[in-house]
Amino acid sequence: MDNNFKTYNETAELLKVLAHPVRLCIVKGLLRKGSCNVSFMQECLELPQSTVSQHLQKLRAAGIVETERNGLEVNYSVKNEKVRQLIQLFLGGTEDHE
């Protein structure tokens, strides 16, 4: 056994952030689409924009998503490769089918 608790703690924190259905949906949707803004996500999820923004803030704080500003619009995308692999493993099919 390896007692590298720093790595285990980091992984546990990442999993805690992902352990919410809305955040899993957001991450899978971002992987499928590439990037999008809060308004698009809010319409797809049929949730208030403030709720989506709160979930995105948690994902951003954990280093799972990143933002890119385009004028007044802020687009989100997944930046964490481990998360990309986890979502593919657990939820499969992140290719865009549109």
Protein backbone atom coordinates (compact mmCIF):
# COMPACT_ATOMS: atom_id res chain seq x y z
CA MET A 1 0.00 0.00 0.00
CA ASP A 2 1.05 3.50 -0.72
CA ASN A 3 0.39 6.18 1.89
CA ASN A 4 0.49 9.21 -0.39
CA PHE A 5 -2.50 10.83 1.30
CA LYS A 6 -2.01 14.12 -0.55
CA THR A 7 -2.88 12.42 -3.83
CA TYR A 8 -5.78 10.54 -2.23
CA ASN A 9 -7.14 13.76 -0.70
CA GLU A 10 -6.95 15.58 -4.05
CA THR A 11 -8.73 12.72 -5.80
CA ALA A 12 -11.38 12.49 -3.07
CA GLU A 13 -12.08 16.24 -3.37
CA LEU A 14 -12.41 15.94 -7.14
CA LEU A 15 -14.86 13.05 -6.75
CA LYS A 16 -16.88 14.97 -4.13
CA VAL A 17 -17.36 17.87 -6.53
CA LEU A 18 -18.45 15.51 -9.30
CA ALA A 19 -20.82 13.61 -6.98
CA HIS A 20 -23.89 15.63 -7.92
CA PRO A 21 -26.25 14.78 -10.81
CA VAL A 22 -26.41 18.35 -12.15
CA ARG A 23 -22.62 18.72 -12.14
CA LEU A 24 -22.20 15.35 -13.86
CA CYS A 25 -24.72 16.45 -16.48
CA ILE A 26 -22.91 19.76 -16.99
CA VAL A 27 -19.52 18.08 -17.39
CA LYS A 28 -20.83 15.43 -19.78
CA GLY A 29 -22.62 18.12 -21.81
CA LEU A 30 -19.47 20.25 -21.98
CA LEU A 31 -17.44 17.26 -23.14
CA ARG A 32 -20.02 16.53 -25.83
CA LYS A 33 -20.38 20.13 -27.01
CA GLY A 34 -16.81 21.36 -26.40
CA SER A 35 -17.79 24.62 -24.75
CA CYS A 36 -20.87 26.72 -24.09
CA ASN A 37 -22.23 29.53 -21.95
CA VAL A 38 -24.47 29.51 -18.88
CA SER A 39 -27.58 30.55 -20.83
CA PHE A 40 -27.30 27.54 -23.14
CA MET A 41 -26.80 25.18 -20.17
CA GLN A 42 -29.66 26.76 -18.26
CA GLU A 43 -32.05 26.18 -21.17
CA CYS A 44 -30.92 22.56 -21.61
CA LEU A 45 -31.08 21.74 -17.90
CA GLU A 46 -34.31 23.70 -17.34
CA LEU A 47 -32.86 25.15 -14.13
CA PRO A 48 -32.53 28.76 -12.97
CA GLN A 49 -29.39 30.47 -14.22
CA SER A 50 -28.28 31.13 -10.63
CA THR A 51 -28.38 27.39 -9.89
CA VAL A 52 -26.31 26.53 -12.97
CA SER A 53 -23.84 29.31 -12.10
CA GLN A 54 -23.40 27.93 -8.56
CA HIS A 55 -22.62 24.47 -9.92
CA LEU A 56 -20.20 25.93 -12.46
CA GLN A 57 -18.43 27.87 -9.72
CA LYS A 58 -17.84 24.65 -7.78
CA LEU A 59 -16.54 22.93 -10.91
CA ARG A 60 -14.28 25.89 -11.66
CA ALA A 61 -12.93 26.08 -8.09
CA ALA A 62 -12.04 22.38 -8.28
CA GLY A 63 -10.13 22.92 -11.54
CA ILE A 64 -12.56 20.82 -13.55
CA VAL A 65 -13.75 23.53 -15.93
CA GLU A 66 -12.17 26.68 -17.29
CA THR A 67 -13.61 29.82 -18.80
CA GLU A 68 -12.92 31.81 -21.92
CA ARG A 69 -14.37 35.27 -22.35
CA ASN A 70 -15.68 36.26 -25.77
CA GLY A 71 -16.88 39.85 -25.43
CA LEU A 72 -19.63 39.78 -22.81
CA GLU A 73 -20.11 36.03 -23.13
CA VAL A 74 -18.24 33.55 -20.92
CA ASN A 75 -17.86 30.05 -22.31
CA TYR A 76 -17.03 27.04 -20.16
CA SER A 77 -15.09 23.93 -21.14
CA VAL A 78 -13.64 20.92 -19.34
CA LYS A 79 -9.93 21.31 -18.66
CA ASN A 80 -9.19 18.31 -16.43
CA GLU A 81 -8.10 15.21 -18.36
CA LYS A 82 -8.75 12.87 -15.40
CA VAL A 83 -12.35 14.09 -15.30
CA ARG A 84 -12.67 13.56 -19.04
CA GLN A 85 -11.54 9.94 -18.58
CA LEU A 86 -13.84 9.37 -15.57
CA ILE A 87 -16.91 10.66 -17.39
CA GLN A 88 -16.08 8.53 -20.42
CA LEU A 89 -15.63 5.48 -18.18
CA PHE A 90 -18.80 5.93 -16.11
CA LEU A 91 -21.17 7.64 -18.54
CA GLY A 92 -19.68 6.80 -21.94
CA GLY A 93 -20.41 8.49 -25.27
CA THR A 94 -19.24 12.08 -25.00
CA GLU A 95 -19.05 12.54 -28.77
CA ASP A 96 -21.32 15.21 -30.23
CA HIS A 97 -24.30 13.65 -32.00
CA GLU A 98 -25.94 16.88 -33.15
